[in-house]
């Protein structure tokens, strides 16, 4: 049973993360936040750093949750949690 559910759970966790990413990108384009930031004098580097921090933090939270579920849920109990992460 776990052989069939494991790939599905991992896929769903990644789909949620990238769905939120896509929603954020669409919102930014609708509201034209990048153009507003350029008018305010911010560089493209600041824009990309903000995106990196946002995506990195969201992905890290999802991966911590998946690691906790897999390790403490006795799915991968003989694996090192840092390797799962």
PDB file of N, CA and C in Angstrom:
ATOM      1  N   UNK A   1       0.819  -1.200   0.000  1.00  0.00           N
ATOM      2  CA  UNK A   1       0.000   0.000   0.000  1.00  0.00           C
ATOM      3  C   UNK A   1       0.859   1.259   0.000  1.00  0.00           C
ATOM      4  N   UNK A   2       1.898   1.267   0.833  1.00  0.00           N
ATOM      5  CA  UNK A   2       2.727   2.466   0.937  1.00  0.00           C
ATOM      6  C   UNK A   2       3.487   2.730  -0.365  1.00  0.00           C
ATOM      7  N   UNK A   3       3.758   1.665  -1.133  1.00  0.00           N
ATOM      8  CA  UNK A   3       4.467   1.851  -2.395  1.00  0.00           C
ATOM      9  C   UNK A   3       3.659   2.701  -3.365  1.00  0.00           C
ATOM     10  N   UNK A   4       2.349   2.635  -3.277  1.00  0.00           N
ATOM     11  CA  UNK A   4       1.493   3.400  -4.174  1.00  0.00           C
ATOM     12  C   UNK A   4       1.186   4.795  -3.629  1.00  0.00           C
ATOM     13  N   UNK A   5       1.112   4.942  -2.327  1.00  0.00           N
ATOM     14  CA  UNK A   5       0.750   6.227  -1.725  1.00  0.00           C
ATOM     15  C   UNK A   5       1.930   7.181  -1.605  1.00  0.00           C
ATOM     16  N   UNK A   6       3.124   6.650  -1.462  1.00  0.00           N
ATOM     17  CA  UNK A   6       4.309   7.485  -1.254  1.00  0.00           C
ATOM     18  C   UNK A   6       4.563   8.455  -2.407  1.00  0.00           C
ATOM     19  N   UNK A   7       4.620   8.000  -3.660  1.00  0.00           N
ATOM     20  CA  UNK A   7       4.829   8.967  -4.754  1.00  0.00           C
ATOM     21  C   UNK A   7       3.691   9.973  -4.882  1.00  0.00           C
ATOM     22  N   UNK A   8       2.479   9.546  -4.598  1.00  0.00           N
ATOM     23  CA  UNK A   8       1.338  10.452  -4.677  1.00  0.00           C
ATOM     24  C   UNK A   8       1.440  11.563  -3.640  1.00  0.00           C
ATOM     25  N   UNK A   9       1.819  11.223  -2.425  1.00  0.00           N
ATOM     26  CA  UNK A   9       1.957  12.240  -1.365  1.00  0.00           C
ATOM     27  C   UNK A   9       3.045  13.247  -1.702  1.00  0.00           C
ATOM     28  N   UNK A  10       4.165  12.777  -2.199  1.00  0.00           N
ATOM     29  CA  UNK A  10       5.242  13.693  -2.574  1.00  0.00           C
ATOM     30  C   UNK A  10       4.824  14.596  -3.729  1.00  0.00           C
ATOM     31  N   UNK A  11       4.132  14.032  -4.695  1.00  0.00           N
ATOM     32  CA  UNK A  11       3.679  14.824  -5.834  1.00  0.00           C
ATOM     33  C   UNK A  11       2.678  15.885  -5.399  1.00  0.00           C
ATOM     34  N   UNK A  12       1.761  15.536  -4.539  1.00  0.00           N
ATOM     35  CA  UNK A  12       0.767  16.503  -4.066  1.00  0.00           C
ATOM     36  C   UNK A  12       1.425  17.631  -3.286  1.00  0.00           C
ATOM     37  N   UNK A  13       2.433  17.308  -2.488  1.00  0.00           N
ATOM     38  CA  UNK A  13       3.111  18.370  -1.735  1.00  0.00           C
ATOM     39  C   UNK A  13       3.816  19.341  -2.671  1.00  0.00           C
ATOM     40  N   UNK A  14       4.415  18.849  -3.729  1.00  0.00           N
ATOM     41  CA  UNK A  14       5.083  19.736  -4.687  1.00  0.00           C
ATOM     42  C   UNK A  14       4.077  20.503  -5.541  1.00  0.00           C
ATOM     43  N   UNK A  15       2.967  19.867  -5.899  1.00  0.00           N
ATOM     44  CA  UNK A  15       1.946  20.559  -6.691  1.00  0.00           C
ATOM     45  C   UNK A  15       1.393  21.749  -5.918  1.00  0.00           C
ATOM     46  N   UNK A  16       1.151  21.578  -4.625  1.00  0.00           N
ATOM     47  CA  UNK A  16       0.641  22.683  -3.813  1.00  0.00           C
ATOM     48  C   UNK A  16       1.640  23.837  -3.787  1.00  0.00           C
ATOM     49  N   UNK A  17       2.909  23.507  -3.598  1.00  0.00           N
ATOM     50  CA  UNK A  17       3.939  24.547  -3.542  1.00  0.00           C
ATOM     51  C   UNK A  17       3.995  25.334  -4.842  1.00  0.00           C
ATOM     52  N   UNK A  18       4.007  24.643  -5.961  1.00  0.00           N
ATOM     53  CA  UNK A  18       4.126  25.342  -7.232  1.00  0.00           C
ATOM     54  C   UNK A  18       2.820  25.984  -7.678  1.00  0.00           C
ATOM     55  N   UNK A  19       1.692  25.514  -7.181  1.00  0.00           N
ATOM     56  CA  UNK A  19       0.428  26.210  -7.442  1.00  0.00           C
ATOM     57  C   UNK A  19       0.418  27.563  -6.746  1.00  0.00           C
ATOM     58  N   UNK A  20       0.926  27.605  -5.524  1.00  0.00           N
ATOM     59  CA  UNK A  20       1.022  28.883  -4.807  1.00  0.00           C
ATOM     60  C   UNK A  20       2.019  29.816  -5.494  1.00  0.00           C
ATOM     61  N   UNK A  21       3.099  29.263  -6.020  1.00  0.00           N
ATOM     62  CA  UNK A  21       4.076  30.060  -6.766  1.00  0.00           C
ATOM     63  C   UNK A  21       3.438  30.656  -8.014  1.00  0.00           C
ATOM     64  N   UNK A  22       2.699  29.854  -8.748  1.00  0.00           N
ATOM     65  CA  UNK A  22       2.036  30.335  -9.956  1.00  0.00           C
ATOM     66  C   UNK A  22       1.010  31.409  -9.623  1.00  0.00           C
ATOM     67  N   UNK A  23       0.272  31.219  -8.551  1.00  0.00           N
ATOM     68  CA  UNK A  23      -0.706  32.217  -8.128  1.00  0.00           C
ATOM     69  C   UNK A  23      -0.017  33.537  -7.786  1.00  0.00           C
ATOM     70  N   UNK A  24       1.120  33.478  -7.131  1.00  0.00           N
ATOM     71  CA  UNK A  24       1.858  34.698  -6.784  1.00  0.00           C
ATOM     72  C   UNK A  24       2.367  35.419  -8.023  1.00  0.00           C
ATOM     73  N   UNK A  25       2.853  34.665  -8.993  1.00  0.00           N
ATOM     74  CA  UNK A  25       3.354  35.272 -10.230  1.00  0.00           C
ATOM     75  C   UNK A  25       2.219  35.950 -10.985  1.00  0.00           C
ATOM     76  N   UNK A  26       1.079  35.286 -11.081  1.00  0.00           N
ATOM     77  CA  UNK A  26      -0.067  35.867 -11.783  1.00  0.00           C
ATOM     78  C   UNK A  26      -0.544  37.128 -11.070  1.00  0.00           C
ATOM     79  N   UNK A  27      -0.598  37.095  -9.744  1.00  0.00           N
ATOM     80  CA  UNK A  27      -1.009  38.276  -8.980  1.00  0.00           C
ATOM     81  C   UNK A  27      -0.052  39.435  -9.221  1.00  0.00           C
ATOM     82  N   UNK A  28       1.244  39.138  -9.216  1.00  0.00           N
ATOM     83  CA  UNK A  28       2.233  40.198  -9.442  1.00  0.00           C
ATOM     84  C   UNK A  28       2.055  40.830 -10.821  1.00  0.00           C
ATOM     85  N   UNK A  29       1.774  40.004 -11.813  1.00  0.00           N
ATOM     86  CA  UNK A  29       1.589  40.539 -13.162  1.00  0.00           C
ATOM     87  C   UNK A  29       0.280  41.316 -13.283  1.00  0.00           C
ATOM     88  N   UNK A  30      -0.765  40.868 -12.597  1.00  0.00           N
ATOM     89  CA  UNK A  30      -2.041  41.583 -12.645  1.00  0.00           C
ATOM     90  C   UNK A  30      -1.927  42.968 -12.019  1.00  0.00           C
ATOM     91  N   UNK A  31      -1.254  43.059 -10.895  1.00  0.00           N
ATOM     92  CA  UNK A  31      -1.153  44.313 -10.159  1.00  0.00           C
ATOM     93  C   UNK A  31       0.027  45.153 -10.650  1.00  0.00           C
ATOM     94  N   UNK A  32       0.897  44.565 -11.456  1.00  0.00           N
ATOM     95  CA  UNK A  32       2.096  45.214 -12.008  1.00  0.00           C
ATOM     96  C   UNK A  32       3.039  45.693 -10.899  1.00  0.00           C
ATOM     97  N   UNK A  33       3.320  44.778  -9.983  1.00  0.00           N
ATOM     98  CA  UNK A  33       4.186  45.116  -8.858  1.00  0.00           C
ATOM     99  C   UNK A  33       5.622  45.397  -9.291  1.00  0.00           C
ATOM    100  N   UNK A  34       6.103  44.685 -10.298  1.00  0.00           N
ATOM    101  CA  UNK A  34       7.482  44.894 -10.743  1.00  0.00           C
ATOM    102  C   UNK A  34       7.660  46.308 -11.299  1.00  0.00           C
ATOM    103  N   UNK A  35       6.685  46.780 -12.054  1.00  0.00           N
ATOM    104  CA  UNK A  35       6.771  48.134 -12.599  1.00  0.00           C
ATOM    105  C   UNK A  35       6.716  49.179 -11.489  1.00  0.00           C
ATOM    106  N   UNK A  36       5.875  48.933 -10.486  1.00  0.00           N
ATOM    107  CA  UNK A  36       5.782  49.861  -9.353  1.00  0.00           C
ATOM    108  C   UNK A  36       7.109  49.909  -8.609  1.00  0.00           C
ATOM    109  N   UNK A  37       7.747  48.746  -8.441  1.00  0.00           N
ATOM    110  CA  UNK A  37       9.044  48.724  -7.759  1.00  0.00           C
ATOM    111  C   UNK A  37      10.106  49.467  -8.562  1.00  0.00           C
ATOM    112  N   UNK A  38      10.062  49.353  -9.893  1.00  0.00           N
ATOM    113  CA  UNK A  38      11.023  50.090 -10.721  1.00  0.00           C
ATOM    114  C   UNK A  38      10.795  51.594 -10.609  1.00  0.00           C
ATOM    115  N   UNK A  39       9.528  52.010 -10.558  1.00  0.00           N
ATOM    116  CA  UNK A  39       9.221  53.432 -10.397  1.00  0.00           C
ATOM    117  C   UNK A  39       9.747  53.938  -9.057  1.00  0.00           C
ATOM    118  N   UNK A  40       9.676  53.091  -8.031  1.00  0.00           N
ATOM    119  CA  UNK A  40      10.177  53.471  -6.712  1.00  0.00           C
ATOM    120  C   UNK A  40      11.702  53.483  -6.650  1.00  0.00           C
ATOM    121  N   UNK A  41      12.354  52.976  -7.683  1.00  0.00           N
ATOM    122  CA  UNK A  41      13.805  53.018  -7.735  1.00  0.00           C
ATOM    123  C   UNK A  41      14.505  51.741  -7.316  1.00  0.00           C
ATOM    124  N   UNK A  42      13.764  50.660  -7.119  1.00  0.00           N
ATOM    125  CA  UNK A  42      14.390  49.401  -6.736  1.00  0.00           C
ATOM    126  C   UNK A  42      14.939  48.695  -7.965  1.00  0.00           C
ATOM    127  N   UNK A  43      16.028  47.985  -7.795  1.00  0.00           N
ATOM    128  CA  UNK A  43      16.664  47.307  -8.925  1.00  0.00           C
ATOM    129  C   UNK A  43      16.042  45.928  -9.146  1.00  0.00           C
ATOM    130  N   UNK A  44      16.396  45.332 -10.282  1.00  0.00           N
ATOM    131  CA  UNK A  44      15.923  43.980 -10.578  1.00  0.00           C
ATOM    132  C   UNK A  44      16.484  42.974  -9.581  1.00  0.00           C
ATOM    133  N   UNK A  45      17.683  43.240  -9.076  1.00  0.00           N
ATOM    134  CA  UNK A  45      18.286  42.338  -8.103  1.00  0.00           C
ATOM    135  C   UNK A  45      17.453  42.199  -6.842  1.00  0.00           C
ATOM    136  N   UNK A  46      16.906  43.309  -6.378  1.00  0.00           N
ATOM    137  CA  UNK A  46      16.048  43.272  -5.189  1.00  0.00           C
ATOM    138  C   UNK A  46      14.796  42.448  -5.476  1.00  0.00           C
ATOM    139  N   UNK A  47      14.259  42.597  -6.662  1.00  0.00           N
ATOM    140  CA  UNK A  47      13.071  41.836  -7.058  1.00  0.00           C
ATOM    141  C   UNK A  47      13.357  40.334  -7.035  1.00  0.00           C
ATOM    142  N   UNK A  48      14.482  39.933  -7.625  1.00  0.00           N
ATOM    143  CA  UNK A  48      14.823  38.516  -7.679  1.00  0.00           C
ATOM    144  C   UNK A  48      15.183  37.965  -6.305  1.00  0.00           C
ATOM    145  N   UNK A  49      15.827  38.748  -5.464  1.00  0.00           N
ATOM    146  CA  UNK A  49      16.140  38.304  -4.104  1.00  0.00           C
ATOM    147  C   UNK A  49      14.853  38.102  -3.303  1.00  0.00           C
ATOM    148  N   UNK A  50      13.891  38.988  -3.487  1.00  0.00           N
ATOM    149  CA  UNK A  50      12.607  38.843  -2.792  1.00  0.00           C
ATOM    150  C   UNK A  50      11.892  37.565  -3.227  1.00  0.00           C
ATOM    151  N   UNK A  51      11.913  37.285  -4.529  1.00  0.00           N
ATOM    152  CA  UNK A  51      11.301  36.055  -5.020  1.00  0.00           C
ATOM    153  C   UNK A  51      12.022  34.834  -4.473  1.00  0.00           C
ATOM    154  N   UNK A  52      13.340  34.870  -4.441  1.00  0.00           N
ATOM    155  CA  UNK A  52      14.107  33.737  -3.933  1.00  0.00           C
ATOM    156  C   UNK A  52      13.774  33.467  -2.471  1.00  0.00           C
ATOM    157  N   UNK A  53      13.738  34.519  -1.667  1.00  0.00           N
ATOM    158  CA  UNK A  53      13.437  34.353  -0.239  1.00  0.00           C
ATOM    159  C   UNK A  53      12.027  33.800  -0.051  1.00  0.00           C
ATOM    160  N   UNK A  54      11.079  34.300  -0.818  1.00  0.00           N
ATOM    161  CA  UNK A  54       9.693  33.838  -0.708  1.00  0.00           C
ATOM    162  C   UNK A  54       9.566  32.364  -1.077  1.00  0.00           C
ATOM    163  N   UNK A  55      10.103  31.996  -2.226  1.00  0.00           N
ATOM    164  CA  UNK A  55       9.979  30.618  -2.701  1.00  0.00           C
ATOM    165  C   UNK A  55      10.780  29.664  -1.824  1.00  0.00           C
ATOM    166  N   UNK A  56      11.971  30.087  -1.415  1.00  0.00           N
ATOM    167  CA  UNK A  56      12.802  29.244  -0.561  1.00  0.00           C
ATOM    168  C   UNK A  56      12.115  28.967   0.771  1.00  0.00           C
ATOM    169  N   UNK A  57      11.491  29.982   1.348  1.00  0.00           N
ATOM    170  CA  UNK A  57      10.827  29.780   2.641  1.00  0.00           C
ATOM    171  C   UNK A  57       9.602  28.876   2.504  1.00  0.00           C
ATOM    172  N   UNK A  58       8.824  29.055   1.445  1.00  0.00           N
ATOM    173  CA  UNK A  58       7.651  28.200   1.245  1.00  0.00           C
ATOM    174  C   UNK A  58       8.062  26.752   1.005  1.00  0.00           C
ATOM    175  N   UNK A  59       9.064  26.551   0.168  1.00  0.00           N
ATOM    176  CA  UNK A  59       9.524  25.202  -0.133  1.00  0.00           C
ATOM    177  C   UNK A  59      10.135  24.547   1.100  1.00  0.00           C
ATOM    178  N   UNK A  60      10.854  25.317   1.898  1.00  0.00           N
ATOM    179  CA  UNK A  60      11.453  24.774   3.112  1.00  0.00           C
ATOM    180  C   UNK A  60      10.385  24.304   4.090  1.00  0.00           C
ATOM    181  N   UNK A  61       9.331  25.075   4.247  1.00  0.00           N
ATOM    182  CA  UNK A  61       8.245  24.679   5.151  1.00  0.00           C
ATOM    183  C   UNK A  61       7.599  23.381   4.677  1.00  0.00           C
ATOM    184  N   UNK A  62       7.352  23.270   3.382  1.00  0.00           N
ATOM    185  CA  UNK A  62       6.738  22.054   2.843  1.00  0.00           C
ATOM    186  C   UNK A  62       7.668  20.859   3.038  1.00  0.00           C
ATOM    187  N   UNK A  63       8.956  21.043   2.781  1.00  0.00           N
ATOM    188  CA  UNK A  63       9.894  19.931   2.920  1.00  0.00           C
ATOM    189  C   UNK A  63      10.078  19.518   4.380  1.00  0.00           C
ATOM    190  N   UNK A  64      10.031  20.463   5.298  1.00  0.00           N
ATOM    191  CA  UNK A  64      10.095  20.105   6.721  1.00  0.00           C
ATOM    192  C   UNK A  64       8.871  19.280   7.104  1.00  0.00           C
ATOM    193  N   UNK A  65       7.703  19.681   6.625  1.00  0.00           N
ATOM    194  CA  UNK A  65       6.480  18.927   6.922  1.00  0.00           C
ATOM    195  C   UNK A  65       6.548  17.518   6.336  1.00  0.00           C
ATOM    196  N   UNK A  66       7.007  17.392   5.096  1.00  0.00           N
ATOM    197  CA  UNK A  66       7.126  16.078   4.462  1.00  0.00           C
ATOM    198  C   UNK A  66       8.140  15.221   5.209  1.00  0.00           C
ATOM    199  N   UNK A  67       9.255  15.814   5.619  1.00  0.00           N
ATOM    200  CA  UNK A  67      10.278  15.074   6.353  1.00  0.00           C
ATOM    201  C   UNK A  67       9.736  14.565   7.681  1.00  0.00           C
ATOM    202  N   UNK A  68       9.016  15.412   8.396  1.00  0.00           N
ATOM    203  CA  UNK A  68       8.439  14.995   9.681  1.00  0.00           C
ATOM    204  C   UNK A  68       7.432  13.870   9.479  1.00  0.00           C
ATOM    205  N   UNK A  69       6.591  14.005   8.475  1.00  0.00           N
ATOM    206  CA  UNK A  69       5.581  12.975   8.215  1.00  0.00           C
ATOM    207  C   UNK A  69       6.233  11.652   7.833  1.00  0.00           C
ATOM    208  N   UNK A  70       7.248  11.706   6.975  1.00  0.00           N
ATOM    209  CA  UNK A  70       7.884  10.472   6.525  1.00  0.00           C
ATOM    210  C   UNK A  70       8.717   9.815   7.621  1.00  0.00           C
ATOM    211  N   UNK A  71       9.411  10.618   8.408  1.00  0.00           N
ATOM    212  CA  UNK A  71      10.291  10.040   9.426  1.00  0.00           C
ATOM    213  C   UNK A  71       9.521   9.584  10.660  1.00  0.00           C
ATOM    214  N   UNK A  72       8.697  10.452  11.209  1.00  0.00           N
ATOM    215  CA  UNK A  72       7.977  10.107  12.430  1.00  0.00           C
ATOM    216  C   UNK A  72       6.700   9.328  12.162  1.00  0.00           C
ATOM    217  N   UNK A  73       6.279   9.266  10.918  1.00  0.00           N
ATOM    218  CA  UNK A  73       5.133   8.443  10.552  1.00  0.00           C
ATOM    219  C   UNK A  73       5.535   7.019  10.244  1.00  0.00           C
ATOM    220  N   UNK A  74       6.781   6.682  10.537  1.00  0.00           N
ATOM    221  CA  UNK A  74       7.331   5.330  10.381  1.00  0.00           C
ATOM    222  C   UNK A  74       7.339   4.864   8.928  1.00  0.00           C
ATOM    223  N   UNK A  75       7.391   5.811   7.982  1.00  0.00           N
ATOM    224  CA  UNK A  75       7.491   5.436   6.576  1.00  0.00           C
ATOM    225  C   UNK A  75       8.951   5.201   6.217  1.00  0.00           C
ATOM    226  N   UNK A  76       9.809   6.143   6.571  1.00  0.00           N
ATOM    227  CA  UNK A  76      11.250   6.014   6.324  1.00  0.00           C
ATOM    228  C   UNK A  76      11.992   6.123   7.654  1.00  0.00           C
ATOM    229  N   UNK A  77      11.643   5.270   8.602  1.00  0.00           N
ATOM    230  CA  UNK A  77      12.172   5.408   9.954  1.00  0.00           C
ATOM    231  C   UNK A  77      13.639   5.018  10.066  1.00  0.00           C
ATOM    232  N   UNK A  78      14.177   4.283   9.114  1.00  0.00           N
ATOM    233  CA  UNK A  78      15.586   3.890   9.178  1.00  0.00           C
ATOM    234  C   UNK A  78      16.482   4.841   8.391  1.00  0.00           C
ATOM    235  N   UNK A  79      15.923   5.899   7.866  1.00  0.00           N
ATOM    236  CA  UNK A  79      16.688   6.884   7.101  1.00  0.00           C
ATOM    237  C   UNK A  79      17.016   8.086   7.976  1.00  0.00           C
ATOM    238  N   UNK A  80      18.082   8.751   7.623  1.00  0.00           N
ATOM    239  CA  UNK A  80      18.476   9.966   8.322  1.00  0.00           C
ATOM    240  C   UNK A  80      17.531  11.100   7.899  1.00  0.00           C
ATOM    241  N   UNK A  81      16.929  11.835   8.848  1.00  0.00           N
ATOM    242  CA  UNK A  81      16.004  12.916   8.477  1.00  0.00           C
ATOM    243  C   UNK A  81      16.653  14.003   7.616  1.00  0.00           C
ATOM    244  N   UNK A  82      17.944  14.241   7.800  1.00  0.00           N
ATOM    245  CA  UNK A  82      18.617  15.254   6.986  1.00  0.00           C
ATOM    246  C   UNK A  82      18.751  14.804   5.535  1.00  0.00           C
ATOM    247  N   UNK A  83      18.854  13.506   5.310  1.00  0.00           N
ATOM    248  CA  UNK A  83      18.895  12.999   3.938  1.00  0.00           C
ATOM    249  C   UNK A  83      17.514  13.040   3.291  1.00  0.00           C
ATOM    250  N   UNK A  84      16.478  12.863   4.091  1.00  0.00           N
ATOM    251  CA  UNK A  84      15.112  12.961   3.559  1.00  0.00           C
ATOM    252  C   UNK A  84      14.815  14.392   3.153  1.00  0.00           C
ATOM    253  N   UNK A  85      15.277  15.339   3.982  1.00  0.00           N
ATOM    254  CA  UNK A  85      15.036  16.752   3.714  1.00  0.00           C
ATOM    255  C   UNK A  85      15.703  17.150   2.417  1.00  0.00           C
TER     256      UNK A  85
END
